[in-house]
Every structure is written in structure tokens, then in C-alpha cells.
């Protein structure tokens, strides 16, 4: 159980690029979850297909954040449009 933001920042959630399967190994045990012959339990992808979703430097995390930012901006614009052009 996460007690504060510092502990939350230390958590690692790994996602499979092939199928989206996510796993959260216990803190400090990440290496045990990815032995050399590790395969995704869902699709069989190799361990090099997994990335840390909490790594701000991984470009795959930036790709996922961009659509969310665009979607949020779209919702804000839609709300503004609805106020500017109310239905009669």
C-alpha cells in the first residue's frame, strides 16, 4: 500500500507494447519478474517489449500522454463552443 507521493513515484508499472498487458511487481523485485527468457503471459512477446509506464523519459509514455492532452483540450473547447452557440 502506497503511503505517500514518494512511494508512488518509486512504483513501476510495466506494459507490454504488443498487447497492453500491465504488471506491477513488488518494489525492488522488478528484476525477478523479467528473467532472460521472460515472455508476456498474454501474447508471448519478449521482455524487450515491456516498458516502465512511470518512466518520464520513455517516449512511449509521451505518446500516450499526447492523446489524453488533446482529448482534454477538445472537451474544454466543446464546452466553450456549447456556451457560445446554445441550441434554440
C-alpha atoms as a PDB file:
ATOM      1  CA  UNK A   1       0.000   0.000   0.000  1.00  0.00           C
ATOM      2  CA  UNK A   2       1.398   3.349  -1.078  1.00  0.00           C
ATOM      3  CA  UNK A   3       1.769   5.746   1.842  1.00  0.00           C
ATOM      4  CA  UNK A   4       2.799   8.958   0.065  1.00  0.00           C
ATOM      5  CA  UNK A   5       3.820  10.527  -3.259  1.00  0.00           C
ATOM      6  CA  UNK A   6       7.449   9.478  -2.829  1.00  0.00           C
ATOM      7  CA  UNK A   7       6.478   5.825  -2.577  1.00  0.00           C
ATOM      8  CA  UNK A   8       4.110   6.198  -5.516  1.00  0.00           C
ATOM      9  CA  UNK A   9       6.935   7.620  -7.641  1.00  0.00           C
ATOM     10  CA  UNK A  10       9.001   4.527  -6.841  1.00  0.00           C
ATOM     11  CA  UNK A  11       6.352   2.143  -8.171  1.00  0.00           C
ATOM     12  CA  UNK A  12       6.913   0.591 -11.553  1.00  0.00           C
ATOM     13  CA  UNK A  13       4.103  -0.462 -13.841  1.00  0.00           C
ATOM     14  CA  UNK A  14       5.345  -2.369 -16.852  1.00  0.00           C
ATOM     15  CA  UNK A  15       3.232  -2.636 -20.005  1.00  0.00           C
ATOM     16  CA  UNK A  16       3.528  -4.945 -22.985  1.00  0.00           C
ATOM     17  CA  UNK A  17       3.793  -2.924 -26.204  1.00  0.00           C
ATOM     18  CA  UNK A  18       2.260  -5.792 -28.166  1.00  0.00           C
ATOM     19  CA  UNK A  19      -0.965  -6.397 -26.218  1.00  0.00           C
ATOM     20  CA  UNK A  20      -1.173  -3.796 -23.433  1.00  0.00           C
ATOM     21  CA  UNK A  21      -0.887  -6.280 -20.560  1.00  0.00           C
ATOM     22  CA  UNK A  22       0.251  -4.455 -17.402  1.00  0.00           C
ATOM     23  CA  UNK A  23       2.034  -5.794 -14.348  1.00  0.00           C
ATOM     24  CA  UNK A  24       3.219  -4.139 -11.150  1.00  0.00           C
ATOM     25  CA  UNK A  25       5.957  -6.134  -9.434  1.00  0.00           C
ATOM     26  CA  UNK A  26       6.701  -5.502  -5.785  1.00  0.00           C
ATOM     27  CA  UNK A  27       9.173  -2.712  -5.101  1.00  0.00           C
ATOM     28  CA  UNK A  28      12.724  -3.937  -5.584  1.00  0.00           C
ATOM     29  CA  UNK A  29      11.653  -7.167  -7.302  1.00  0.00           C
ATOM     30  CA  UNK A  30      11.401  -5.865 -10.865  1.00  0.00           C
ATOM     31  CA  UNK A  31      14.429  -7.901 -11.991  1.00  0.00           C
ATOM     32  CA  UNK A  32      12.899 -11.128 -10.699  1.00  0.00           C
ATOM     33  CA  UNK A  33       9.878 -10.611 -12.941  1.00  0.00           C
ATOM     34  CA  UNK A  34      11.946 -10.285 -16.098  1.00  0.00           C
ATOM     35  CA  UNK A  35      14.361 -13.206 -16.377  1.00  0.00           C
ATOM     36  CA  UNK A  36      16.202 -13.614 -19.689  1.00  0.00           C
ATOM     37  CA  UNK A  37      13.560 -15.897 -21.191  1.00  0.00           C
ATOM     38  CA  UNK A  38      10.550 -13.896 -19.952  1.00  0.00           C
ATOM     39  CA  UNK A  39       7.519 -13.857 -22.265  1.00  0.00           C
ATOM     40  CA  UNK A  40       4.280 -11.896 -21.896  1.00  0.00           C
ATOM     41  CA  UNK A  41       1.748 -14.227 -20.263  1.00  0.00           C
ATOM     42  CA  UNK A  42      -0.983 -12.946 -22.591  1.00  0.00           C
ATOM     43  CA  UNK A  43       0.585 -12.678 -26.065  1.00  0.00           C
ATOM     44  CA  UNK A  44       4.045 -14.254 -25.708  1.00  0.00           C
ATOM     45  CA  UNK A  45       6.009 -11.086 -26.563  1.00  0.00           C
ATOM     46  CA  UNK A  46       9.652 -10.968 -25.441  1.00  0.00           C
ATOM     47  CA  UNK A  47      10.669  -8.967 -22.382  1.00  0.00           C
ATOM     48  CA  UNK A  48      12.120  -6.193 -24.556  1.00  0.00           C
ATOM     49  CA  UNK A  49       8.510  -5.353 -25.500  1.00  0.00           C
ATOM     50  CA  UNK A  50       7.801  -4.232 -21.917  1.00  0.00           C
ATOM     51  CA  UNK A  51       8.399  -0.672 -20.751  1.00  0.00           C
ATOM     52  CA  UNK A  52       8.078   1.164 -17.460  1.00  0.00           C
ATOM     53  CA  UNK A  53       4.942   3.288 -17.694  1.00  0.00           C
ATOM     54  CA  UNK A  54       6.235   5.532 -14.887  1.00  0.00           C
ATOM     55  CA  UNK A  55       9.460   6.434 -16.726  1.00  0.00           C
ATOM     56  CA  UNK A  56       9.033  10.052 -17.873  1.00  0.00           C
ATOM     57  CA  UNK A  57      11.990   9.685 -20.256  1.00  0.00           C
ATOM     58  CA  UNK A  58      10.455   6.816 -22.234  1.00  0.00           C
ATOM     59  CA  UNK A  59       8.977   8.184 -25.477  1.00  0.00           C
ATOM     60  CA  UNK A  60       6.121   5.649 -25.329  1.00  0.00           C
ATOM     61  CA  UNK A  61       4.817   7.402 -22.216  1.00  0.00           C
ATOM     62  CA  UNK A  62       4.864  10.733 -24.031  1.00  0.00           C
ATOM     63  CA  UNK A  63       2.905   9.195 -26.936  1.00  0.00           C
ATOM     64  CA  UNK A  64       0.163   8.082 -24.534  1.00  0.00           C
ATOM     65  CA  UNK A  65       0.050  11.468 -22.781  1.00  0.00           C
ATOM     66  CA  UNK A  66      -0.411  13.405 -26.039  1.00  0.00           C
ATOM     67  CA  UNK A  67      -3.829  11.905 -26.968  1.00  0.00           C
ATOM     68  CA  UNK A  68      -5.054  12.469 -23.394  1.00  0.00           C
ATOM     69  CA  UNK A  69      -3.958  16.115 -23.544  1.00  0.00           C
ATOM     70  CA  UNK A  70      -5.666  16.562 -26.916  1.00  0.00           C
ATOM     71  CA  UNK A  71      -8.823  14.894 -25.622  1.00  0.00           C
ATOM     72  CA  UNK A  72      -8.898  17.161 -22.560  1.00  0.00           C
ATOM     73  CA  UNK A  73      -8.381  20.213 -24.755  1.00  0.00           C
ATOM     74  CA  UNK A  74     -11.177  19.034 -27.047  1.00  0.00           C
ATOM     75  CA  UNK A  75     -13.586  18.702 -24.126  1.00  0.00           C
ATOM     76  CA  UNK A  76     -12.736  22.218 -22.941  1.00  0.00           C
ATOM     77  CA  UNK A  77     -13.268  23.591 -26.446  1.00  0.00           C
ATOM     78  CA  UNK A  78     -16.551  21.719 -26.839  1.00  0.00           C
ATOM     79  CA  UNK A  79     -17.850  23.193 -23.590  1.00  0.00           C
ATOM     80  CA  UNK A  80     -16.871  26.692 -24.716  1.00  0.00           C
ATOM     81  CA  UNK A  81     -18.497  26.101 -28.110  1.00  0.00           C
ATOM     82  CA  UNK A  82     -21.704  24.928 -26.467  1.00  0.00           C
ATOM     83  CA  UNK A  83     -21.892  28.143 -24.403  1.00  0.00           C
ATOM     84  CA  UNK A  84     -21.131  30.354 -27.402  1.00  0.00           C
ATOM     85  CA  UNK A  85     -23.670  28.587 -29.633  1.00  0.00           C
ATOM     86  CA  UNK A  86     -26.576  27.452 -27.430  1.00  0.00           C
ATOM     87  CA  UNK A  87     -29.264  25.409 -29.119  1.00  0.00           C
ATOM     88  CA  UNK A  88     -32.514  27.276 -29.664  1.00  0.00           C
END
